[in-house]
Amino acid sequence: QVHDKAGSMAMIRFNQLNAPFDKPAVRRALLAGITQSDYMMA
């Protein structure tokens, strides 16, 4: 049974102190290929 009705929000978290993810444009570039259902089914 699911008892945590709010569930859990999944994510890929970046360290923005280190290159290359200190650049917002690099982080934004990755959005266009993310398919959330792939992560959820896994």
Full PDB file with SEQRES, HELIX, SHEET, SSBOND, CRYST1, ORIGX, SCALE, CONECT and MASTER records, all heavy atoms in Angstrom:
SEQRES   1 A   42  GLN VAL HIS ASP LYS ALA GLY SER MET ALA MET ILE ARG          
SEQRES   2 A   42  PHE ASN GLN LEU ASN ALA PRO PHE ASP LYS PRO ALA VAL          
SEQRES   3 A   42  ARG ARG ALA LEU LEU ALA GLY ILE THR GLN SER ASP TYR          
SEQRES   4 A   42  MET MET ALA                                                  
HELIX    1 AA1 PRO A   24  ALA A   29  1                                   6    
HELIX    2 AA2 LEU A   30  GLY A   33  5                                   4    
HELIX    3 AA3 GLN A   36  MET A   41  1                                   6    
CRYST1    1.000    1.000    1.000  90.00  90.00  90.00 P 1           1          
ORIGX1      1.000000  0.000000  0.000000        0.00000                         
ORIGX2      0.000000  1.000000  0.000000        0.00000                         
ORIGX3      0.000000  0.000000  1.000000        0.00000                         
SCALE1      1.000000  0.000000  0.000000        0.00000                         
SCALE2      0.000000  1.000000  0.000000        0.00000                         
SCALE3      0.000000  0.000000  1.000000        0.00000                         
ATOM      1  N   GLN A   1       0.823  -1.197   0.000  1.00  0.00           N  
ATOM      2  CA  GLN A   1       0.000   0.000   0.000  1.00  0.00           C  
ATOM      3  C   GLN A   1       0.862   1.255   0.000  1.00  0.00           C  
ATOM      4  O   GLN A   1       1.940   1.276   0.607  1.00  0.00           O  
ATOM      5  CB  GLN A   1      -0.919   0.004   1.231  1.00  0.00           C  
ATOM      6  CG  GLN A   1      -1.961   1.102   1.253  1.00  0.00           C  
ATOM      7  CD  GLN A   1      -2.953   0.913   2.392  1.00  0.00           C  
ATOM      8  OE1 GLN A   1      -3.030  -0.146   3.001  1.00  0.00           O  
ATOM      9  NE2 GLN A   1      -3.713   1.949   2.689  1.00  0.00           N  
ATOM     10  N   VAL A   2       0.381   2.295  -0.677  1.00  0.00           N  
ATOM     11  CA  VAL A   2       1.027   3.606  -0.651  1.00  0.00           C  
ATOM     12  C   VAL A   2       0.502   4.377   0.549  1.00  0.00           C  
ATOM     13  O   VAL A   2      -0.698   4.661   0.640  1.00  0.00           O  
ATOM     14  CB  VAL A   2       0.757   4.397  -1.943  1.00  0.00           C  
ATOM     15  CG1 VAL A   2       1.338   5.808  -1.830  1.00  0.00           C  
ATOM     16  CG2 VAL A   2       1.349   3.675  -3.152  1.00  0.00           C  
ATOM     17  N   HIS A   3       1.378   4.696   1.480  1.00  0.00           N  
ATOM     18  CA  HIS A   3       0.987   5.495   2.640  1.00  0.00           C  
ATOM     19  C   HIS A   3       1.438   6.943   2.519  1.00  0.00           C  
ATOM     20  O   HIS A   3       0.858   7.820   3.164  1.00  0.00           O  
ATOM     21  CB  HIS A   3       1.554   4.875   3.923  1.00  0.00           C  
ATOM     22  CG  HIS A   3       0.783   3.685   4.389  1.00  0.00           C  
ATOM     23  ND1 HIS A   3      -0.353   3.785   5.147  1.00  0.00           N  
ATOM     24  CD2 HIS A   3       0.972   2.363   4.164  1.00  0.00           C  
ATOM     25  CE1 HIS A   3      -0.833   2.570   5.400  1.00  0.00           C  
ATOM     26  NE2 HIS A   3      -0.051   1.696   4.810  1.00  0.00           N  
ATOM     27  N   ASP A   4       2.462   7.193   1.708  1.00  0.00           N  
ATOM     28  CA  ASP A   4       2.902   8.570   1.498  1.00  0.00           C  
ATOM     29  C   ASP A   4       2.175   9.108   0.283  1.00  0.00           C  
ATOM     30  O   ASP A   4       2.630   8.985  -0.856  1.00  0.00           O  
ATOM     31  CB  ASP A   4       4.415   8.618   1.301  1.00  0.00           C  
ATOM     32  CG  ASP A   4       4.951  10.042   1.242  1.00  0.00           C  
ATOM     33  OD1 ASP A   4       4.131  10.984   1.245  1.00  0.00           O  
ATOM     34  OD2 ASP A   4       6.183  10.211   1.189  1.00  0.00           O  
ATOM     35  N   LYS A   5       1.004   9.716   0.523  1.00  0.00           N  
ATOM     36  CA  LYS A   5       0.148  10.160  -0.583  1.00  0.00           C  
ATOM     37  C   LYS A   5       0.758  11.315  -1.368  1.00  0.00           C  
ATOM     38  O   LYS A   5       0.387  11.548  -2.524  1.00  0.00           O  
ATOM     39  CB  LYS A   5      -1.227  10.577  -0.033  1.00  0.00           C  
ATOM     40  CG  LYS A   5      -1.973   9.481   0.731  1.00  0.00           C  
ATOM     41  CD  LYS A   5      -2.208   8.242  -0.113  1.00  0.00           C  
ATOM     42  CE  LYS A   5      -3.228   7.282   0.511  1.00  0.00           C  
ATOM     43  NZ  LYS A   5      -2.804   6.721   1.803  1.00  0.00           N  
ATOM     44  N   ALA A   6       1.677  12.057  -0.756  1.00  0.00           N  
ATOM     45  CA  ALA A   6       2.353  13.137  -1.483  1.00  0.00           C  
ATOM     46  C   ALA A   6       3.459  12.603  -2.369  1.00  0.00           C  
ATOM     47  O   ALA A   6       3.959  13.318  -3.251  1.00  0.00           O  
ATOM     48  CB  ALA A   6       2.921  14.165  -0.511  1.00  0.00           C  
ATOM     49  N   GLY A   7       3.861  11.360  -2.163  1.00  0.00           N  
ATOM     50  CA  GLY A   7       4.871  10.748  -3.008  1.00  0.00           C  
ATOM     51  C   GLY A   7       6.238  11.393  -2.880  1.00  0.00           C  
ATOM     52  O   GLY A   7       6.537  12.115  -1.925  1.00  0.00           O  
ATOM     53  N   SER A   8       7.051  11.130  -3.889  1.00  0.00           N  
ATOM     54  CA  SER A   8       8.416  11.655  -3.933  1.00  0.00           C  
ATOM     55  C   SER A   8       8.672  12.256  -5.303  1.00  0.00           C  
ATOM     56  O   SER A   8       8.374  11.629  -6.329  1.00  0.00           O  
ATOM     57  CB  SER A   8       9.437  10.539  -3.661  1.00  0.00           C  
ATOM     58  OG  SER A   8       9.228   9.949  -2.395  1.00  0.00           O  
ATOM     59  N   MET A   9       9.215  13.451  -5.323  1.00  0.00           N  
ATOM     60  CA  MET A   9       9.539  14.136  -6.572  1.00  0.00           C  
ATOM     61  C   MET A   9      10.980  13.807  -6.947  1.00  0.00           C  
ATOM     62  O   MET A   9      11.915  14.098  -6.194  1.00  0.00           O  
ATOM     63  CB  MET A   9       9.344  15.630  -6.416  1.00  0.00           C  
ATOM     64  CG  MET A   9       7.904  16.039  -6.161  1.00  0.00           C  
ATOM     65  SD  MET A   9       6.885  16.033  -7.642  1.00  0.00           S  
ATOM     66  CE  MET A   9       7.100  17.735  -8.164  1.00  0.00           C  
ATOM     67  N   ALA A  10      11.139  13.178  -8.104  1.00  0.00           N  
ATOM     68  CA  ALA A  10      12.457  12.728  -8.550  1.00  0.00           C  
ATOM     69  C   ALA A  10      13.152  13.824  -9.350  1.00  0.00           C  
ATOM     70  O   ALA A  10      12.501  14.676  -9.963  1.00  0.00           O  
ATOM     71  CB  ALA A  10      12.319  11.460  -9.379  1.00  0.00           C  
ATOM     72  N   MET A  11      14.472  13.759  -9.371  1.00  0.00           N  
ATOM     73  CA  MET A  11      15.242  14.818 -10.019  1.00  0.00           C  
ATOM     74  C   MET A  11      16.646  14.366 -10.371  1.00  0.00           C  
ATOM     75  O   MET A  11      17.163  13.371  -9.847  1.00  0.00           O  
ATOM     76  CB  MET A  11      15.351  16.030  -9.086  1.00  0.00           C  
ATOM     77  CG  MET A  11      16.146  15.764  -7.821  1.00  0.00           C  
ATOM     78  SD  MET A  11      16.362  17.241  -6.777  1.00  0.00           S  
ATOM     79  CE  MET A  11      14.694  17.532  -6.241  1.00  0.00           C  
ATOM     80  N   ILE A  12      17.259  15.132 -11.260  1.00  0.00           N  
ATOM     81  CA  ILE A  12      18.705  15.081 -11.489  1.00  0.00           C  
ATOM     82  C   ILE A  12      19.245  16.403 -10.952  1.00  0.00           C  
ATOM     83  O   ILE A  12      18.909  17.479 -11.449  1.00  0.00           O  
ATOM     84  CB  ILE A  12      19.048  14.922 -12.976  1.00  0.00           C  
ATOM     85  CG1 ILE A  12      18.467  13.621 -13.532  1.00  0.00           C  
ATOM     86  CG2 ILE A  12      20.565  14.948 -13.179  1.00  0.00           C  
ATOM     87  CD1 ILE A  12      18.578  13.490 -15.034  1.00  0.00           C  
ATOM     88  N   ARG A  13      20.072  16.313  -9.939  1.00  0.00           N  
ATOM     89  CA  ARG A  13      20.572  17.505  -9.246  1.00  0.00           C  
ATOM     90  C   ARG A  13      21.992  17.805  -9.685  1.00  0.00           C  
ATOM     91  O   ARG A  13      22.848  16.904  -9.710  1.00  0.00           O  
ATOM     92  CB  ARG A  13      20.526  17.279  -7.737  1.00  0.00           C  
ATOM     93  CG  ARG A  13      20.991  18.447  -6.880  1.00  0.00           C  
ATOM     94  CD  ARG A  13      20.020  19.597  -6.862  1.00  0.00           C  
ATOM     95  NE  ARG A  13      20.281  20.486  -5.722  1.00  0.00           N  
ATOM     96  CZ  ARG A  13      19.624  21.610  -5.494  1.00  0.00           C  
ATOM     97  NH1 ARG A  13      18.657  21.992  -6.321  1.00  0.00           N  
ATOM     98  NH2 ARG A  13      19.906  22.358  -4.448  1.00  0.00           N  
ATOM     99  N   PHE A  14      22.247  19.073 -10.004  1.00  0.00           N  
ATOM    100  CA  PHE A  14      23.570  19.514 -10.450  1.00  0.00           C  
ATOM    101  C   PHE A  14      24.326  20.195  -9.321  1.00  0.00           C  
ATOM    102  O   PHE A  14      23.742  20.872  -8.484  1.00  0.00           O  
ATOM    103  CB  PHE A  14      23.431  20.525 -11.597  1.00  0.00           C  
ATOM    104  CG  PHE A  14      22.708  20.018 -12.803  1.00  0.00           C  
ATOM    105  CD1 PHE A  14      21.407  20.422 -13.062  1.00  0.00           C  
ATOM    106  CD2 PHE A  14      23.323  19.143 -13.677  1.00  0.00           C  
ATOM    107  CE1 PHE A  14      20.726  19.971 -14.179  1.00  0.00           C  
ATOM    108  CE2 PHE A  14      22.657  18.677 -14.798  1.00  0.00           C  
ATOM    109  CZ  PHE A  14      21.347  19.083 -15.046  1.00  0.00           C  
ATOM    110  N   ASN A  15      25.647  20.060  -9.350  1.00  0.00           N  
ATOM    111  CA  ASN A  15      26.520  20.872  -8.510  1.00  0.00           C  
ATOM    112  C   ASN A  15      26.917  22.090  -9.327  1.00  0.00           C  
ATOM    113  O   ASN A  15      27.679  21.983 -10.292  1.00  0.00           O  
ATOM    114  CB  ASN A  15      27.759  20.075  -8.090  1.00  0.00           C  
ATOM    115  CG  ASN A  15      28.671  20.861  -7.167  1.00  0.00           C  
ATOM    116  OD1 ASN A  15      28.524  22.073  -7.000  1.00  0.00           O  
ATOM    117  ND2 ASN A  15      29.628  20.182  -6.567  1.00  0.00           N  
ATOM    118  N   GLN A  16      26.419  23.249  -8.945  1.00  0.00           N  
ATOM    119  CA  GLN A  16      26.639  24.442  -9.742  1.00  0.00           C  
ATOM    120  C   GLN A  16      27.904  25.195  -9.349  1.00  0.00           C  
ATOM    121  O   GLN A  16      28.181  26.268  -9.883  1.00  0.00           O  
ATOM    122  CB  GLN A  16      25.399  25.334  -9.663  1.00  0.00           C  
ATOM    123  CG  GLN A  16      24.173  24.611 -10.213  1.00  0.00           C  
ATOM    124  CD  GLN A  16      22.964  25.490 -10.377  1.00  0.00           C  
ATOM    125  OE1 GLN A  16      23.066  26.711 -10.483  1.00  0.00           O  
ATOM    126  NE2 GLN A  16      21.793  24.867 -10.410  1.00  0.00           N  
ATOM    127  N   LEU A  17      28.693  24.609  -8.450  1.00  0.00           N  
ATOM    128  CA  LEU A  17      29.988  25.198  -8.112  1.00  0.00           C  
ATOM    129  C   LEU A  17      31.080  24.742  -9.074  1.00  0.00           C  
ATOM    130  O   LEU A  17      32.117  25.395  -9.189  1.00  0.00           O  
ATOM    131  CB  LEU A  17      30.383  24.834  -6.675  1.00  0.00           C  
ATOM    132  CG  LEU A  17      29.434  25.272  -5.562  1.00  0.00           C  
ATOM    133  CD1 LEU A  17      30.010  24.872  -4.204  1.00  0.00           C  
ATOM    134  CD2 LEU A  17      29.181  26.774  -5.608  1.00  0.00           C  
ATOM    135  N   ASN A  18      30.851  23.603  -9.733  1.00  0.00           N  
ATOM    136  CA  ASN A  18      31.872  23.021 -10.602  1.00  0.00           C  
ATOM    137  C   ASN A  18      31.446  23.060 -12.066  1.00  0.00           C  
ATOM    138  O   ASN A  18      30.276  22.852 -12.392  1.00  0.00           O  
ATOM    139  CB  ASN A  18      32.133  21.559 -10.211  1.00  0.00           C  
ATOM    140  CG  ASN A  18      32.893  21.438  -8.899  1.00  0.00           C  
ATOM    141  OD1 ASN A  18      33.660  22.338  -8.532  1.00  0.00           O  
ATOM    142  ND2 ASN A  18      32.691  20.344  -8.187  1.00  0.00           N  
ATOM    143  N   ALA A  19      32.431  23.298 -12.954  1.00  0.00           N  
ATOM    144  CA  ALA A  19      32.178  23.213 -14.390  1.00  0.00           C  
ATOM    145  C   ALA A  19      31.855  21.757 -14.750  1.00  0.00           C  
ATOM    146  O   ALA A  19      32.339  20.835 -14.091  1.00  0.00           O  
ATOM    147  CB  ALA A  19      33.404  23.695 -15.156  1.00  0.00           C  
ATOM    148  N   PRO A  20      31.030  21.535 -15.769  1.00  0.00           N  
ATOM    149  CA  PRO A  20      30.440  22.511 -16.695  1.00  0.00           C  
ATOM    150  C   PRO A  20      29.078  23.049 -16.252  1.00  0.00           C  
ATOM    151  O   PRO A  20      28.511  23.900 -16.911  1.00  0.00           O  
ATOM    152  CB  PRO A  20      30.281  21.684 -17.968  1.00  0.00           C  
ATOM    153  CG  PRO A  20      29.932  20.311 -17.468  1.00  0.00           C  
ATOM    154  CD  PRO A  20      30.758  20.138 -16.203  1.00  0.00           C  
ATOM    155  N   PHE A  21      28.554  22.518 -15.115  1.00  0.00           N  
ATOM    156  CA  PHE A  21      27.186  22.884 -14.741  1.00  0.00           C  
ATOM    157  C   PHE A  21      27.119  24.176 -13.940  1.00  0.00           C  
ATOM    158  O   PHE A  21      26.071  24.513 -13.395  1.00  0.00           O  
ATOM    159  CB  PHE A  21      26.523  21.730 -13.990  1.00  0.00           C  
ATOM    160  CG  PHE A  21      26.437  20.474 -14.814  1.00  0.00           C  
ATOM    161  CD1 PHE A  21      26.911  19.266 -14.324  1.00  0.00           C  
ATOM    162  CD2 PHE A  21      25.909  20.508 -16.093  1.00  0.00           C  
ATOM    163  CE1 PHE A  21      26.847  18.117 -15.081  1.00  0.00           C  
ATOM    164  CE2 PHE A  21      25.834  19.354 -16.871  1.00  0.00           C  
ATOM    165  CZ  PHE A  21      26.307  18.156 -16.368  1.00  0.00           C  
ATOM    166  N   ASP A  22      28.222  24.913 -13.908  1.00  0.00           N  
ATOM    167  CA  ASP A  22      28.170  26.271 -13.386  1.00  0.00           C  
ATOM    168  C   ASP A  22      27.547  27.219 -14.415  1.00  0.00           C  
ATOM    169  O   ASP A  22      27.216  28.351 -14.092  1.00  0.00           O  
ATOM    170  CB  ASP A  22      29.560  26.751 -12.987  1.00  0.00           C  
ATOM    171  CG  ASP A  22      30.578  26.652 -14.123  1.00  0.00           C  
ATOM    172  OD1 ASP A  22      30.349  25.874 -15.081  1.00  0.00           O  
ATOM    173  OD2 ASP A  22      31.604  27.351 -14.058  1.00  0.00           O  
ATOM    174  N   LYS A  23      27.363  26.725 -15.656  1.00  0.00           N  
ATOM    175  CA  LYS A  23      26.770  27.530 -16.720  1.00  0.00           C  
ATOM    176  C   LYS A  23      25.300  27.152 -16.890  1.00  0.00           C  
ATOM    177  O   LYS A  23      24.982  25.998 -17.211  1.00  0.00           O  
ATOM    178  CB  LYS A  23      27.501  27.296 -18.046  1.00  0.00           C  
ATOM    179  CG  LYS A  23      28.973  27.676 -18.044  1.00  0.00           C  
ATOM    180  CD  LYS A  23      29.549  27.459 -19.442  1.00  0.00           C  
ATOM    181  CE  LYS A  23      31.027  27.830 -19.496  1.00  0.00           C  
ATOM    182  NZ  LYS A  23      31.853  26.877 -18.717  1.00  0.00           N  
ATOM    183  N   PRO A  24      24.362  28.099 -16.689  1.00  0.00           N  
ATOM    184  CA  PRO A  24      22.947  27.780 -16.870  1.00  0.00           C  
ATOM    185  C   PRO A  24      22.627  27.225 -18.257  1.00  0.00           C  
ATOM    186  O   PRO A  24      21.772  26.346 -18.395  1.00  0.00           O  
ATOM    187  CB  PRO A  24      22.244  29.127 -16.638  1.00  0.00           C  
ATOM    188  CG  PRO A  24      23.198  29.919 -15.811  1.00  0.00           C  
ATOM    189  CD  PRO A  24      24.563  29.486 -16.236  1.00  0.00           C  
ATOM    190  N   ALA A  25      23.315  27.707 -19.284  1.00  0.00           N  
ATOM    191  CA  ALA A  25      23.021  27.248 -20.644  1.00  0.00           C  
ATOM    192  C   ALA A  25      23.342  25.769 -20.811  1.00  0.00           C  
ATOM    193  O   ALA A  25      22.659  25.062 -21.569  1.00  0.00           O  
ATOM    194  CB  ALA A  25      23.792  28.086 -21.660  1.00  0.00           C  
ATOM    195  N   VAL A  26      24.374  25.290 -20.133  1.00  0.00           N  
ATOM    196  CA  VAL A  26      24.707  23.858 -20.208  1.00  0.00           C  
ATOM    197  C   VAL A  26      23.613  23.039 -19.538  1.00  0.00           C  
ATOM    198  O   VAL A  26      23.186  21.999 -20.052  1.00  0.00           O  
ATOM    199  CB  VAL A  26      26.078  23.589 -19.564  1.00  0.00           C  
ATOM    200  CG1 VAL A  26      26.359  22.089 -19.487  1.00  0.00           C  
ATOM    201  CG2 VAL A  26      27.184  24.293 -20.349  1.00  0.00           C  
ATOM    202  N   ARG A  27      23.139  23.518 -18.402  1.00  0.00           N  
ATOM    203  CA  ARG A  27      22.064  22.805 -17.710  1.00  0.00           C  
ATOM    204  C   ARG A  27      20.785  22.808 -18.544  1.00  0.00           C  
ATOM    205  O   ARG A  27      20.111  21.782 -18.659  1.00  0.00           O  
ATOM    206  CB  ARG A  27      21.819  23.431 -16.329  1.00  0.00           C  
ATOM    207  CG  ARG A  27      23.052  23.474 -15.437  1.00  0.00           C  
ATOM    208  CD  ARG A  27      22.713  23.831 -14.004  1.00  0.00           C  
ATOM    209  NE  ARG A  27      22.122  25.154 -13.825  1.00  0.00           N  
ATOM    210  CZ  ARG A  27      22.802  26.268 -13.601  1.00  0.00           C  
ATOM    211  NH1 ARG A  27      24.142  26.238 -13.560  1.00  0.00           N  
ATOM    212  NH2 ARG A  27      22.176  27.424 -13.417  1.00  0.00           N  
ATOM    213  N   ARG A  28      20.464  23.962 -19.128  1.00  0.00           N  
ATOM    214  CA  ARG A  28      19.254  24.060 -19.956  1.00  0.00           C  
ATOM    215  C   ARG A  28      19.330  23.163 -21.182  1.00  0.00           C  
ATOM    216  O   ARG A  28      18.319  22.598 -21.614  1.00  0.00           O  
ATOM    217  CB  ARG A  28      19.036  25.503 -20.416  1.00  0.00           C  
ATOM    218  CG  ARG A  28      18.409  26.410 -19.384  1.00  0.00           C  
ATOM    219  CD  ARG A  28      17.853  27.666 -20.042  1.00  0.00           C  
ATOM    220  NE  ARG A  28      18.862  28.414 -20.770  1.00  0.00           N  
ATOM    221  CZ  ARG A  28      19.636  29.363 -20.235  1.00  0.00           C  
ATOM    222  NH1 ARG A  28      19.522  29.660 -18.940  1.00  0.00           N  
ATOM    223  NH2 ARG A  28      20.520  30.004 -20.960  1.00  0.00           N  
ATOM    224  N   ALA A  29      20.521  23.018 -21.724  1.00  0.00           N  
ATOM    225  CA  ALA A  29      20.668  22.218 -22.944  1.00  0.00           C  
ATOM    226  C   ALA A  29      20.203  20.779 -22.745  1.00  0.00           C  
ATOM    227  O   ALA A  29      19.696  20.140 -23.680  1.00  0.00           O  
ATOM    228  CB  ALA A  29      22.130  22.240 -23.401  1.00  0.00           C  
ATOM    229  N   LEU A  30      20.338  20.266 -21.539  1.00  0.00           N  
ATOM    230  CA  LEU A  30      19.992  18.865 -21.275  1.00  0.00           C  
ATOM    231  C   LEU A  30      18.488  18.624 -21.208  1.00  0.00           C  
ATOM    232  O   LEU A  30      18.035  17.482 -21.317  1.00  0.00           O  
ATOM    233  CB  LEU A  30      20.650  18.420 -19.972  1.00  0.00           C  
ATOM    234  CG  LEU A  30      22.173  18.322 -20.008  1.00  0.00           C  
ATOM    235  CD1 LEU A  30      22.738  18.150 -18.607  1.00  0.00           C  
ATOM    236  CD2 LEU A  30      22.616  17.168 -20.899  1.00  0.00           C  
ATOM    237  N   LEU A  31      17.697  19.673 -21.033  1.00  0.00           N  
ATOM    238  CA  LEU A  31      16.253  19.498 -20.885  1.00  0.00           C  
ATOM    239  C   LEU A  31      15.613  18.879 -22.121  1.00  0.00           C  
ATOM    240  O   LEU A  31      14.666  18.094 -22.020  1.00  0.00           O  
ATOM    241  CB  LEU A  31      15.589  20.849 -20.595  1.00  0.00           C  
ATOM    242  CG  LEU A  31      15.882  21.486 -19.236  1.00  0.00           C  
ATOM    243  CD1 LEU A  31      15.355  22.924 -19.211  1.00  0.00           C  
ATOM    244  CD2 LEU A  31      15.247  20.675 -18.124  1.00  0.00           C  
ATOM    245  N   ALA A  32      16.114  19.210 -23.311  1.00  0.00           N  
ATOM    246  CA  ALA A  32      15.447  18.831 -24.558  1.00  0.00           C  
ATOM    247  C   ALA A  32      15.474  17.331 -24.835  1.00  0.00           C  
ATOM    248  O   ALA A  32      14.773  16.857 -25.744  1.00  0.00           O  
ATOM    249  CB  ALA A  32      16.073  19.588 -25.731  1.00  0.00           C  
ATOM    250  N   GLY A  33      16.270  16.578 -24.089  1.00  0.00           N  
ATOM    251  CA  GLY A  33      16.335  15.133 -24.331  1.00  0.00           C  
ATOM    252  C   GLY A  33      15.810  14.295 -23.186  1.00  0.00           C  
ATOM    253  O   GLY A  33      15.842  13.065 -23.247  1.00  0.00           O  
ATOM    254  N   ILE A  34      15.306  14.934 -22.141  1.00  0.00           N  
ATOM    255  CA  ILE A  34      14.816  14.206 -20.965  1.00  0.00           C  
ATOM    256  C   ILE A  34      13.396  13.695 -21.204  1.00  0.00           C  
ATOM    257  O   ILE A  34      12.498  14.472 -21.564  1.00  0.00           O  
ATOM    258  CB  ILE A  34      14.836  15.110 -19.718  1.00  0.00           C  
ATOM    259  CG1 ILE A  34      16.280  15.436 -19.316  1.00  0.00           C  
ATOM    260  CG2 ILE A  34      14.085  14.464 -18.553  1.00  0.00           C  
ATOM    261  CD1 ILE A  34      17.066  14.263 -18.774  1.00  0.00           C  
ATOM    262  N   THR A  35      13.195  12.401 -21.013  1.00  0.00           N  
ATOM    263  CA  THR A  35      11.860  11.801 -21.078  1.00  0.00           C  
ATOM    264  C   THR A  35      11.546  11.254 -19.695  1.00  0.00           C  
ATOM    265  O   THR A  35      12.112  10.235 -19.269  1.00  0.00           O  
ATOM    266  CB  THR A  35      11.814  10.677 -22.127  1.00  0.00           C  
ATOM    267  OG1 THR A  35      12.182  11.205 -23.410  1.00  0.00           O  
ATOM    268  CG2 THR A  35      10.416  10.064 -22.210  1.00  0.00           C  
ATOM    269  N   GLN A  36      10.675  11.928 -18.986  1.00  0.00           N  
ATOM    270  CA  GLN A  36      10.423  11.570 -17.588  1.00  0.00           C  
ATOM    271  C   GLN A  36       9.949  10.137 -17.428  1.00  0.00           C  
ATOM    272  O   GLN A  36      10.308   9.456 -16.450  1.00  0.00           O  
ATOM    273  CB  GLN A  36       9.410  12.532 -16.975  1.00  0.00           C  
ATOM    274  CG  GLN A  36       9.945  13.934 -16.730  1.00  0.00           C  
ATOM    275  CD  GLN A  36       8.964  14.810 -15.958  1.00  0.00           C  
ATOM    276  OE1 GLN A  36       7.770  14.526 -15.902  1.00  0.00           O  
ATOM    277  NE2 GLN A  36       9.467  15.881 -15.376  1.00  0.00           N  
ATOM    278  N   SER A  37       9.152   9.644 -18.360  1.00  0.00           N  
ATOM    279  CA  SER A  37       8.626   8.282 -18.216  1.00  0.00           C  
ATOM    280  C   SER A  37       9.737   7.239 -18.199  1.00  0.00           C  
ATOM    281  O   SER A  37       9.590   6.176 -17.577  1.00  0.00           O  
ATOM    282  CB  SER A  37       7.628   7.973 -19.328  1.00  0.00           C  
ATOM    283  OG  SER A  37       8.233   8.109 -20.607  1.00  0.00           O  
ATOM    284  N   ASP A  38      10.868   7.508 -18.849  1.00  0.00           N  
ATOM    285  CA  ASP A  38      12.000   6.561 -18.810  1.00  0.00           C  
ATOM    286  C   ASP A  38      12.498   6.379 -17.378  1.00  0.00           C  
ATOM    287  O   ASP A  38      12.788   5.260 -16.947  1.00  0.00           O  
ATOM    288  CB  ASP A  38      13.150   7.071 -19.682  1.00  0.00           C  
ATOM    289  CG  ASP A  38      12.840   7.030 -21.165  1.00  0.00           C  
ATOM    290  OD1 ASP A  38      11.853   6.371 -21.551  1.00  0.00           O  
ATOM    291  OD2 ASP A  38      13.580   7.681 -21.940  1.00  0.00           O  
ATOM    292  N   TYR A  39      12.596   7.478 -16.657  1.00  0.00           N  
ATOM    293  CA  TYR A  39      13.088   7.431 -15.272  1.00  0.00           C  
ATOM    294  C   TYR A  39      12.060   6.780 -14.362  1.00  0.00           C  
ATOM    295  O   TYR A  39      12.400   5.996 -13.460  1.00  0.00           O  
ATOM    296  CB  TYR A  39      13.433   8.843 -14.797  1.00  0.00           C  
ATOM    297  CG  TYR A  39      14.569   9.441 -15.583  1.00  0.00           C  
ATOM    298  CD1 TYR A  39      14.346  10.081 -16.800  1.00  0.00           C  
ATOM    299  CD2 TYR A  39      15.883   9.337 -15.138  1.00  0.00           C  
ATOM    300  CE1 TYR A  39      15.388  10.595 -17.546  1.00  0.00           C  
ATOM    301  CE2 TYR A  39      16.936   9.857 -15.873  1.00  0.00           C  
ATOM    302  CZ  TYR A  39      16.682  10.476 -17.078  1.00  0.00           C  
ATOM    303  OH  TYR A  39      17.725  10.983 -17.817  1.00  0.00           O  
ATOM    304  N   MET A  40      10.795   7.094 -14.597  1.00  0.00           N  
ATOM    305  CA  MET A  40       9.743   6.548 -13.746  1.00  0.00           C  
ATOM    306  C   MET A  40       9.580   5.041 -13.942  1.00  0.00           C  
ATOM    307  O   MET A  40       9.406   4.295 -12.971  1.00  0.00           O  
ATOM    308  CB  MET A  40       8.426   7.269 -14.013  1.00  0.00           C  
ATOM    309  CG  MET A  40       8.413   8.730 -13.582  1.00  0.00           C  
ATOM    310  SD  MET A  40       8.640   8.946 -11.781  1.00  0.00           S  
ATOM    311  CE  MET A  40      10.437   9.142 -11.648  1.00  0.00           C  
ATOM    312  N   MET A  41       9.655   4.577 -15.183  1.00  0.00           N  
ATOM    313  CA  MET A  41       9.523   3.132 -15.408  1.00  0.00           C  
ATOM    314  C   MET A  41      10.712   2.379 -14.842  1.00  0.00           C  
ATOM    315  O   MET A  41      10.566   1.274 -14.318  1.00  0.00           O  
ATOM    316  CB  MET A  41       9.341   2.842 -16.897  1.00  0.00           C  
ATOM    317  CG  MET A  41       7.940   3.159 -17.390  1.00  0.00           C  
ATOM    318  SD  MET A  41       7.574   2.531 -19.047  1.00  0.00           S  
ATOM    319  CE  MET A  41       8.525   3.670 -20.052  1.00  0.00           C  
ATOM    320  N   ALA A  42      11.902   2.983 -14.917  1.00  0.00           N  
ATOM    321  CA  ALA A  42      13.076   2.328 -14.348  1.00  0.00           C  
ATOM    322  C   ALA A  42      12.966   2.199 -12.837  1.00  0.00           C  
ATOM    323  O   ALA A  42      13.317   1.164 -12.253  1.00  0.00           O  
ATOM    324  CB  ALA A  42      14.342   3.107 -14.711  1.00  0.00           C  
TER     325      ALA A  42                                                      
MASTER        0    0    0    3    0    0    0    6  324    1    0    4          
END                                                                             
